[in-house]
Amino acid sequence: MALNKELLDILVCPKCKGEIHLTAGEDGLVCERCRLLYPIRDEIPIMLIDEAQPMEP
């Protein structure tokens, strides 16, 4: 799976507007500041705060 590099450059965390990065498995986007993981389904990032999964500290 490959998300468009240009898309990744403009996406930000919808909660804090901070930077996000792709997970190692390329199955989600992580906001380190909020400690949230936004899933990617069918090559579409789900950038809804309610759909985000909290990350372990």
N, C-alpha and C. Protein backbone atom coordinates (compact mmCIF):
# COMPACT_ATOMS: atom_id res chain seq x y z
N MET A 1 0.84 -1.17 0.00
CA MET A 1 0.00 0.00 0.00
C MET A 1 0.89 1.24 0.00
N ALA A 2 0.50 2.22 -0.76
CA ALA A 2 1.30 3.43 -0.81
C ALA A 2 0.39 4.65 -0.84
N LEU A 3 0.47 5.42 0.22
CA LEU A 3 -0.26 6.68 0.23
C LEU A 3 0.53 7.70 -0.55
N ASN A 4 -0.17 8.57 -1.20
CA ASN A 4 0.45 9.62 -1.97
C ASN A 4 1.30 10.51 -1.06
N LYS A 5 2.56 10.73 -1.41
CA LYS A 5 3.48 11.56 -0.62
C LYS A 5 2.94 12.98 -0.45
N GLU A 6 2.34 13.52 -1.48
CA GLU A 6 1.79 14.87 -1.40
C GLU A 6 0.64 14.93 -0.39
N LEU A 7 -0.17 13.88 -0.33
CA LEU A 7 -1.25 13.82 0.64
C LEU A 7 -0.69 13.78 2.06
N LEU A 8 0.31 12.95 2.27
CA LEU A 8 0.93 12.86 3.60
C LEU A 8 1.54 14.19 4.04
N ASP A 9 2.04 14.95 3.10
CA ASP A 9 2.65 16.25 3.43
C ASP A 9 1.65 17.28 3.92
N ILE A 10 0.38 17.17 3.49
CA ILE A 10 -0.60 18.18 3.88
C ILE A 10 -1.50 17.74 5.03
N LEU A 11 -1.56 16.44 5.33
CA LEU A 11 -2.41 15.96 6.42
C LEU A 11 -1.84 16.36 7.77
N VAL A 12 -2.71 16.75 8.67
CA VAL A 12 -2.34 17.06 10.05
C VAL A 12 -3.35 16.39 10.98
N CYS A 13 -3.00 16.29 12.22
CA CYS A 13 -3.91 15.73 13.22
C CYS A 13 -5.13 16.63 13.33
N PRO A 14 -6.34 16.07 13.21
CA PRO A 14 -7.53 16.91 13.31
C PRO A 14 -7.78 17.45 14.73
N LYS A 15 -7.17 16.84 15.72
CA LYS A 15 -7.38 17.28 17.10
C LYS A 15 -6.48 18.47 17.46
N CYS A 16 -5.17 18.34 17.20
CA CYS A 16 -4.22 19.38 17.62
C CYS A 16 -3.59 20.14 16.45
N LYS A 17 -3.87 19.71 15.24
CA LYS A 17 -3.29 20.30 14.02
C LYS A 17 -1.78 20.10 13.94
N GLY A 18 -1.26 19.12 14.69
CA GLY A 18 0.16 18.81 14.68
C GLY A 18 0.53 17.84 13.57
N GLU A 19 1.81 17.60 13.46
CA GLU A 19 2.32 16.69 12.43
C GLU A 19 1.92 15.25 12.73
N ILE A 20 1.74 14.47 11.67
CA ILE A 20 1.47 13.04 11.79
C ILE A 20 2.47 12.31 10.91
N HIS A 21 2.66 11.03 11.21
CA HIS A 21 3.55 10.23 10.38
C HIS A 21 2.96 8.84 10.19
N LEU A 22 3.38 8.19 9.15
CA LEU A 22 2.93 6.86 8.79
C LEU A 22 3.55 5.83 9.72
N THR A 23 2.78 4.83 10.12
CA THR A 23 3.31 3.76 10.96
C THR A 23 4.27 2.90 10.13
N ALA A 24 5.08 2.11 10.82
CA ALA A 24 6.03 1.23 10.13
C ALA A 24 5.31 0.25 9.21
N GLY A 25 4.15 -0.23 9.65
CA GLY A 25 3.38 -1.17 8.84
C GLY A 25 2.51 -0.50 7.79
N GLU A 26 2.57 0.83 7.72
CA GLU A 26 1.80 1.64 6.78
C GLU A 26 0.30 1.37 6.88
N ASP A 27 -0.18 1.08 8.11
CA ASP A 27 -1.60 0.81 8.30
C ASP A 27 -2.29 1.89 9.13
N GLY A 28 -1.57 2.98 9.41
CA GLY A 28 -2.15 4.07 10.18
C GLY A 28 -1.25 5.28 10.19
N LEU A 29 -1.82 6.37 10.70
CA LEU A 29 -1.10 7.63 10.85
C LEU A 29 -1.07 7.98 12.33
N VAL A 30 0.09 8.38 12.83
CA VAL A 30 0.29 8.62 14.25
C VAL A 30 0.51 10.10 14.53
N CYS A 31 -0.18 10.58 15.57
CA CYS A 31 0.11 11.91 16.12
C CYS A 31 0.78 11.67 17.46
N GLU A 32 2.05 11.99 17.55
CA GLU A 32 2.81 11.78 18.80
C GLU A 32 2.32 12.70 19.91
N ARG A 33 1.94 13.91 19.57
CA ARG A 33 1.49 14.88 20.57
C ARG A 33 0.21 14.41 21.28
N CYS A 34 -0.77 13.93 20.51
CA CYS A 34 -2.05 13.48 21.08
C CYS A 34 -2.02 12.00 21.47
N ARG A 35 -0.97 11.28 21.03
CA ARG A 35 -0.86 9.84 21.26
C ARG A 35 -2.06 9.11 20.66
N LEU A 36 -2.40 9.47 19.40
CA LEU A 36 -3.52 8.86 18.70
C LEU A 36 -3.05 8.21 17.41
N LEU A 37 -3.70 7.10 17.06
CA LEU A 37 -3.44 6.40 15.81
C LEU A 37 -4.69 6.47 14.96
N TYR A 38 -4.56 7.09 13.80
CA TYR A 38 -5.66 7.18 12.84
C TYR A 38 -5.50 6.03 11.84
N PRO A 39 -6.50 5.16 11.72
CA PRO A 39 -6.36 4.00 10.84
C PRO A 39 -6.41 4.38 9.36
N ILE A 40 -5.86 3.50 8.54
CA ILE A 40 -5.96 3.63 7.09
C ILE A 40 -6.72 2.39 6.63
N ARG A 41 -7.85 2.61 5.95
CA ARG A 41 -8.67 1.51 5.44
C ARG A 41 -8.83 1.66 3.94
N ASP A 42 -8.52 0.61 3.21
CA ASP A 42 -8.63 0.63 1.74
C ASP A 42 -7.89 1.83 1.14
N GLU A 43 -6.69 2.09 1.69
CA GLU A 43 -5.81 3.17 1.24
C GLU A 43 -6.38 4.56 1.49
N ILE A 44 -7.36 4.67 2.41
CA ILE A 44 -7.96 5.96 2.75
C ILE A 44 -7.72 6.24 4.23
N PRO A 45 -7.02 7.32 4.56
CA PRO A 45 -6.82 7.67 5.97
C PRO A 45 -8.14 8.11 6.59
N ILE A 46 -8.47 7.53 7.73
CA ILE A 46 -9.69 7.88 8.45
C ILE A 46 -9.31 8.92 9.50
N MET A 47 -9.48 10.18 9.15
CA MET A 47 -9.00 11.28 9.99
C MET A 47 -10.12 11.85 10.86
N LEU A 48 -10.85 10.97 11.52
CA LEU A 48 -11.91 11.37 12.44
C LEU A 48 -11.44 11.09 13.86
N ILE A 49 -11.57 12.07 14.74
CA ILE A 49 -11.10 11.92 16.12
C ILE A 49 -11.80 10.74 16.79
N ASP A 50 -13.08 10.55 16.51
CA ASP A 50 -13.83 9.44 17.11
C ASP A 50 -13.35 8.08 16.64
N GLU A 51 -12.71 8.01 15.49
CA GLU A 51 -12.21 6.74 14.95
C GLU A 51 -10.77 6.45 15.37
N ALA A 52 -10.09 7.46 15.92
CA ALA A 52 -8.70 7.29 16.33
C ALA A 52 -8.59 6.36 17.53
N GLN A 53 -7.48 5.64 17.59
CA GLN A 53 -7.22 4.72 18.68
C GLN A 53 -6.12 5.29 19.57
N PRO A 54 -6.35 5.33 20.89
CA PRO A 54 -5.30 5.82 21.77
C PRO A 54 -4.10 4.88 21.77
N MET A 55 -2.92 5.45 21.82
CA MET A 55 -1.69 4.65 21.84
C MET A 55 -1.24 4.48 23.29
N GLU A 56 -0.56 3.38 23.53
CA GLU A 56 -0.03 3.14 24.87
C GLU A 56 1.15 4.08 25.13
N PRO A 57 1.30 4.53 26.39
CA PRO A 57 2.41 5.45 26.70
C PRO A 57 3.77 4.83 26.57
